[in-house]
Amino acid sequence: MGIRPFTDVLRDMRFGETLDELGEEFNKLVQAVENTGRAGEMTLQIKLKPSTAGAIELTDLVKVKLPAPQKGTSLFFATPEGNLVRNDPRQKEIPGLKEVESNSKPLKDVAHG
């Protein structure tokens, strides 16, 4: 007898449930990578141990690390006292600035001849 392909063993593990779980988790991973544009990871861990009946017991664990969506950032400025504030404390404020109302008239169409 030659070497049995690993995929055949994988197909038989937990009566096919391991392979089904791998397929479902892999699909979720592909979608998350596509949606976020970031990397993800999937690991299949298989432990083997001898059983008392002369067989080998296999235990599997599927781990998936989905990519986290990128979050926005916030910019703050440090004060000399060590506090964080939104406005740059080194920047002087310009007094007297106010919003001006627009009194402009609608533009007219001019035909070019």
Protein backbone atom coordinates (compact mmCIF):
# COMPACT_ATOMS: atom_id res chain seq x y z
CA MET A 1 0.00 0.00 0.00
CA GLY A 2 1.33 3.45 -0.91
CA ILE A 3 1.04 6.62 1.12
CA ARG A 4 -2.60 7.65 1.59
CA PRO A 5 -3.18 11.28 0.56
CA PHE A 6 -3.60 13.63 3.51
CA THR A 7 -6.75 15.07 1.94
CA ASP A 8 -8.38 11.63 2.21
CA VAL A 9 -7.67 11.55 5.96
CA LEU A 10 -8.92 15.12 6.32
CA ARG A 11 -12.15 14.20 4.53
CA ASP A 12 -12.72 11.32 7.02
CA MET A 13 -11.96 13.33 10.18
CA ARG A 14 -15.09 13.75 12.32
CA PHE A 15 -17.11 12.19 9.48
CA GLY A 16 -16.41 15.18 7.23
CA GLU A 17 -17.19 17.88 9.80
CA THR A 18 -13.55 19.06 9.94
CA LEU A 19 -13.51 19.63 6.18
CA ASP A 20 -16.88 21.40 6.32
CA GLU A 21 -15.66 23.66 9.14
CA LEU A 22 -12.49 24.47 7.20
CA GLY A 23 -14.54 25.39 4.13
CA GLU A 24 -16.92 27.63 6.06
CA GLU A 25 -14.18 29.40 8.01
CA PHE A 26 -12.05 29.82 4.90
CA ASN A 27 -15.00 31.43 3.11
CA LYS A 28 -15.50 33.89 6.01
CA LEU A 29 -11.79 34.70 5.92
CA VAL A 30 -11.79 35.35 2.17
CA GLN A 31 -14.78 37.69 2.50
CA ALA A 32 -13.20 39.59 5.41
CA VAL A 33 -9.91 40.02 3.53
CA GLU A 34 -11.80 41.24 0.47
CA ASN A 35 -13.94 43.66 2.50
CA THR A 36 -11.14 45.14 4.60
CA GLY A 37 -8.20 44.95 2.19
CA ARG A 38 -6.15 43.59 5.09
CA ALA A 39 -4.48 40.24 5.79
CA GLY A 40 -6.04 37.39 7.74
CA GLU A 41 -4.87 33.98 8.84
CA MET A 42 -6.17 30.43 9.18
CA THR A 43 -4.50 27.56 11.02
CA LEU A 44 -5.41 23.88 11.21
CA GLN A 45 -3.91 22.10 14.20
CA ILE A 46 -4.09 18.30 14.36
CA LYS A 47 -3.02 16.35 17.42
CA LEU A 48 -2.43 12.62 17.28
CA LYS A 49 -2.27 10.30 20.27
CA PRO A 50 -2.35 6.54 20.64
CA SER A 51 -5.57 5.09 22.00
CA THR A 52 -5.86 2.03 24.25
CA ALA A 53 -7.50 0.07 21.43
CA GLY A 54 -4.35 0.20 19.30
CA ALA A 55 -5.68 2.99 17.09
CA ILE A 56 -4.58 6.61 16.77
CA GLU A 57 -6.94 9.34 17.97
CA LEU A 58 -6.96 12.59 15.98
CA THR A 59 -8.14 15.90 17.43
CA ASP A 60 -8.40 18.99 15.26
CA LEU A 61 -8.61 22.70 16.00
CA VAL A 62 -9.38 25.33 13.36
CA LYS A 63 -8.22 28.84 14.26
CA VAL A 64 -9.12 31.86 12.16
CA LYS A 65 -7.75 35.35 12.65
CA LEU A 66 -10.05 37.67 10.74
CA PRO A 67 -8.64 41.04 9.69
CA ALA A 68 -9.92 43.92 11.75
CA PRO A 69 -11.37 46.85 9.85
CA GLN A 70 -9.13 49.88 9.86
CA LYS A 71 -10.25 52.49 12.37
CA GLY A 72 -9.87 56.22 12.02
CA THR A 73 -7.40 58.21 14.07
CA SER A 74 -7.61 61.42 16.08
CA LEU A 75 -5.07 64.24 16.12
CA PHE A 76 -4.30 66.04 19.36
CA PHE A 77 -1.69 68.54 20.44
CA ALA A 78 0.28 68.34 23.68
CA THR A 79 0.29 71.35 26.00
CA PRO A 80 3.33 72.27 28.12
CA GLU A 81 1.44 70.77 31.11
CA GLY A 82 1.19 67.41 29.37
CA ASN A 83 -2.48 67.60 28.41
CA LEU A 84 -3.90 66.71 25.01
CA VAL A 85 -6.11 69.24 23.23
CA ARG A 86 -7.69 69.40 19.77
CA ASN A 87 -6.37 72.89 18.86
CA ASP A 88 -2.65 73.62 18.58
CA PRO A 89 -1.79 75.69 21.68
CA ARG A 90 1.14 77.28 19.80
CA GLN A 91 -1.19 78.66 17.13
CA LYS A 92 -2.49 82.15 17.87
CA GLU A 93 -6.18 82.75 17.34
CA ILE A 94 -7.16 85.48 14.90
CA PRO A 95 -9.70 87.72 16.68
CA GLY A 96 -12.71 89.20 14.92
CA LEU A 97 -13.27 86.53 12.29
CA LYS A 98 -16.92 85.90 11.50
CA GLU A 99 -18.95 84.27 8.78
CA VAL A 100 -20.10 86.62 6.00
CA GLU A 101 -23.50 86.20 4.39
CA SER A 102 -23.59 85.89 0.65
CA ASN A 103 -25.74 88.47 -1.18
CA SER A 104 -24.79 87.34 -4.65
CA LYS A 105 -27.37 87.23 -7.42
CA PRO A 106 -27.86 84.17 -9.64
CA LEU A 107 -25.63 84.07 -12.70
CA LYS A 108 -27.20 84.83 -16.08
CA ASP A 109 -26.79 82.65 -19.16
CA VAL A 110 -25.13 84.51 -22.00
CA ALA A 111 -25.56 83.14 -25.49
CA HIS A 112 -22.46 83.28 -27.65
CA GLY A 113 -23.18 84.12 -31.25
